[in-house]
Amino acid sequence: MTTAVLTFALFSLLLAIAPGPDVLLVLRNCLRGGHRVGSATAPGAATPVPSPGPPPTRHPQSASQARP
């Protein structure tokens, strides 16, 4: 049981400190173009992409708006 908990803790730590694709993109741009290019990339990597959300609901037509 103790070995399983330690293994889980080790892998959790490794996943927590692993850089994501946005960090790797900023790092690549810093290495290729310098700190100004990396600084220009960072706000784009930090900006979240909005989700489209639920589809719009269709409201039933009222009796006065119903077509014959």
N, C-alpha and C. Protein backbone atom coordinates (compact mmCIF):
# COMPACT_ATOMS: atom_id res chain seq x y z
N MET A 1 0.83 -1.19 0.00
CA MET A 1 0.00 0.00 0.00
C MET A 1 0.87 1.26 0.00
N THR A 2 1.92 1.25 0.80
CA THR A 2 2.80 2.41 0.87
C THR A 2 3.52 2.64 -0.45
N THR A 3 3.91 1.57 -1.13
CA THR A 3 4.58 1.71 -2.42
C THR A 3 3.64 2.32 -3.44
N ALA A 4 2.39 1.93 -3.43
CA ALA A 4 1.41 2.48 -4.37
C ALA A 4 1.19 3.97 -4.12
N VAL A 5 1.13 4.36 -2.87
CA VAL A 5 0.92 5.78 -2.55
C VAL A 5 2.14 6.60 -2.96
N LEU A 6 3.33 6.09 -2.71
CA LEU A 6 4.55 6.81 -3.11
C LEU A 6 4.66 6.89 -4.63
N THR A 7 4.31 5.83 -5.33
CA THR A 7 4.35 5.86 -6.79
C THR A 7 3.35 6.87 -7.33
N PHE A 8 2.15 6.88 -6.77
CA PHE A 8 1.14 7.85 -7.18
C PHE A 8 1.62 9.28 -6.91
N ALA A 9 2.21 9.52 -5.76
CA ALA A 9 2.71 10.85 -5.42
C ALA A 9 3.82 11.29 -6.37
N LEU A 10 4.70 10.36 -6.72
CA LEU A 10 5.81 10.69 -7.63
C LEU A 10 5.26 11.07 -9.01
N PHE A 11 4.36 10.25 -9.55
CA PHE A 11 3.81 10.56 -10.87
C PHE A 11 2.95 11.83 -10.85
N SER A 12 2.26 12.07 -9.77
CA SER A 12 1.48 13.31 -9.66
C SER A 12 2.39 14.52 -9.66
N LEU A 13 3.51 14.43 -8.96
CA LEU A 13 4.47 15.53 -8.94
C LEU A 13 5.07 15.76 -10.32
N LEU A 14 5.42 14.68 -11.01
CA LEU A 14 5.99 14.82 -12.35
C LEU A 14 5.01 15.45 -13.32
N LEU A 15 3.74 15.08 -13.23
CA LEU A 15 2.74 15.68 -14.11
C LEU A 15 2.47 17.14 -13.76
N ALA A 16 2.58 17.47 -12.49
CA ALA A 16 2.32 18.86 -12.07
C ALA A 16 3.43 19.80 -12.52
N ILE A 17 4.66 19.33 -12.58
CA ILE A 17 5.77 20.22 -12.95
C ILE A 17 6.09 20.17 -14.43
N ALA A 18 5.47 19.26 -15.18
CA ALA A 18 5.73 19.17 -16.62
C ALA A 18 5.12 20.38 -17.33
N PRO A 19 5.88 21.01 -18.22
CA PRO A 19 5.34 22.17 -18.92
C PRO A 19 4.30 21.75 -19.95
N GLY A 20 3.34 22.60 -20.13
CA GLY A 20 2.29 22.34 -21.11
C GLY A 20 2.71 22.87 -22.47
N PRO A 21 1.88 22.67 -23.48
CA PRO A 21 2.23 23.12 -24.83
C PRO A 21 2.36 24.64 -24.94
N ASP A 22 1.59 25.40 -24.15
CA ASP A 22 1.71 26.85 -24.22
C ASP A 22 3.04 27.34 -23.67
N VAL A 23 3.52 26.71 -22.61
CA VAL A 23 4.82 27.08 -22.04
C VAL A 23 5.94 26.72 -23.02
N LEU A 24 5.81 25.56 -23.66
CA LEU A 24 6.83 25.16 -24.64
C LEU A 24 6.84 26.10 -25.84
N LEU A 25 5.68 26.60 -26.25
CA LEU A 25 5.62 27.55 -27.36
C LEU A 25 6.33 28.86 -27.00
N VAL A 26 6.08 29.37 -25.81
CA VAL A 26 6.73 30.61 -25.37
C VAL A 26 8.24 30.38 -25.26
N LEU A 27 8.65 29.25 -24.71
CA LEU A 27 10.07 28.94 -24.59
C LEU A 27 10.73 28.84 -25.95
N ARG A 28 10.08 28.19 -26.89
CA ARG A 28 10.64 28.07 -28.25
C ARG A 28 10.80 29.44 -28.89
N ASN A 29 9.77 30.29 -28.76
CA ASN A 29 9.86 31.62 -29.36
C ASN A 29 10.91 32.48 -28.68
N CYS A 30 11.11 32.29 -27.36
CA CYS A 30 12.18 33.02 -26.67
C CYS A 30 13.55 32.59 -27.19
N LEU A 31 13.72 31.30 -27.38
CA LEU A 31 15.01 30.80 -27.84
C LEU A 31 15.29 31.19 -29.28
N ARG A 32 14.27 31.23 -30.11
CA ARG A 32 14.46 31.57 -31.52
C ARG A 32 14.55 33.07 -31.77
N GLY A 33 13.71 33.85 -31.08
CA GLY A 33 13.63 35.26 -31.42
C GLY A 33 14.01 36.22 -30.31
N GLY A 34 14.37 35.70 -29.16
CA GLY A 34 14.75 36.57 -28.06
C GLY A 34 13.59 36.86 -27.13
N HIS A 35 13.91 37.65 -26.11
CA HIS A 35 12.90 37.90 -25.07
C HIS A 35 11.73 38.73 -25.57
N ARG A 36 11.94 39.57 -26.57
CA ARG A 36 10.82 40.39 -27.08
C ARG A 36 9.79 39.52 -27.80
N VAL A 37 10.25 38.58 -28.58
CA VAL A 37 9.32 37.69 -29.28
C VAL A 37 8.61 36.79 -28.27
N GLY A 38 9.35 36.30 -27.28
CA GLY A 38 8.73 35.48 -26.25
C GLY A 38 7.73 36.27 -25.43
N SER A 39 8.05 37.53 -25.16
CA SER A 39 7.13 38.38 -24.40
C SER A 39 5.88 38.69 -25.21
N ALA A 40 6.01 38.74 -26.53
CA ALA A 40 4.84 38.97 -27.38
C ALA A 40 3.98 37.71 -27.48
N THR A 41 4.58 36.55 -27.32
CA THR A 41 3.84 35.29 -27.40
C THR A 41 3.10 34.99 -26.11
N ALA A 42 3.65 35.40 -24.98
CA ALA A 42 3.10 35.04 -23.67
C ALA A 42 1.65 35.47 -23.47
N PRO A 43 1.23 36.69 -23.83
CA PRO A 43 -0.18 37.03 -23.63
C PRO A 43 -1.14 36.16 -24.44
N GLY A 44 -0.72 35.78 -25.64
CA GLY A 44 -1.56 34.90 -26.44
C GLY A 44 -1.68 33.52 -25.84
N ALA A 45 -0.60 33.04 -25.24
CA ALA A 45 -0.64 31.72 -24.61
C ALA A 45 -1.44 31.76 -23.31
N ALA A 46 -1.50 32.91 -22.66
CA ALA A 46 -2.21 33.02 -21.39
C ALA A 46 -3.70 33.33 -21.57
N THR A 47 -4.10 33.72 -22.78
CA THR A 47 -5.49 34.06 -23.03
C THR A 47 -6.30 32.79 -23.23
N PRO A 48 -7.35 32.60 -22.45
CA PRO A 48 -8.14 31.38 -22.63
C PRO A 48 -9.00 31.46 -23.89
N VAL A 49 -9.26 30.32 -24.47
CA VAL A 49 -10.13 30.23 -25.63
C VAL A 49 -11.55 30.02 -25.10
N PRO A 50 -12.46 30.91 -25.44
CA PRO A 50 -13.83 30.74 -24.91
C PRO A 50 -14.50 29.53 -25.52
N SER A 51 -15.23 28.83 -24.72
CA SER A 51 -15.98 27.69 -25.23
C SER A 51 -17.24 28.19 -25.91
N PRO A 52 -17.74 27.45 -26.89
CA PRO A 52 -18.92 27.93 -27.59
C PRO A 52 -20.17 27.96 -26.73
N GLY A 53 -20.18 27.20 -25.64
CA GLY A 53 -21.33 27.20 -24.75
C GLY A 53 -22.45 26.34 -25.30
N PRO A 54 -23.54 26.32 -24.58
CA PRO A 54 -24.66 25.50 -25.03
C PRO A 54 -25.32 26.13 -26.26
N PRO A 55 -25.96 25.33 -27.08
CA PRO A 55 -26.63 25.89 -28.25
C PRO A 55 -27.82 26.75 -27.83
N PRO A 56 -28.18 27.72 -28.63
CA PRO A 56 -29.33 28.57 -28.26
C PRO A 56 -30.60 27.74 -28.23
N THR A 57 -31.46 28.10 -27.31
CA THR A 57 -32.72 27.37 -27.19
C THR A 57 -33.75 27.98 -28.11
N ARG A 58 -34.63 27.15 -28.61
CA ARG A 58 -35.72 27.64 -29.45
C ARG A 58 -36.95 27.78 -28.59
N HIS A 59 -37.48 28.96 -28.56
CA HIS A 59 -38.67 29.23 -27.76
C HIS A 59 -39.90 28.90 -28.59
N PRO A 60 -40.86 28.23 -27.99
CA PRO A 60 -42.09 27.95 -28.75
C PRO A 60 -42.83 29.25 -29.06
N GLN A 61 -43.44 29.28 -30.19
CA GLN A 61 -44.17 30.48 -30.58
C GLN A 61 -45.44 30.60 -29.76
N SER A 62 -45.76 31.82 -29.42
CA SER A 62 -47.00 32.03 -28.68
C SER A 62 -48.18 31.92 -29.66
N ALA A 63 -49.36 31.84 -29.14
CA ALA A 63 -50.55 31.66 -29.98
C ALA A 63 -50.75 32.83 -30.92
N SER A 64 -50.37 34.04 -30.50
CA SER A 64 -50.57 35.21 -31.36
C SER A 64 -49.55 35.26 -32.49
N GLN A 65 -48.44 34.59 -32.35
CA GLN A 65 -47.41 34.62 -33.38
C GLN A 65 -47.45 33.38 -34.26
N ALA A 66 -48.27 32.41 -33.92
CA ALA A 66 -48.34 31.18 -34.67
C ALA A 66 -48.89 31.43 -36.07
N ARG A 67 -48.31 30.77 -37.04
CA ARG A 67 -48.77 30.91 -38.42
C ARG A 67 -49.84 29.85 -38.69
N PRO A 68 -50.84 30.22 -39.45
CA PRO A 68 -51.89 29.22 -39.75
C PRO A 68 -51.43 28.16 -40.72
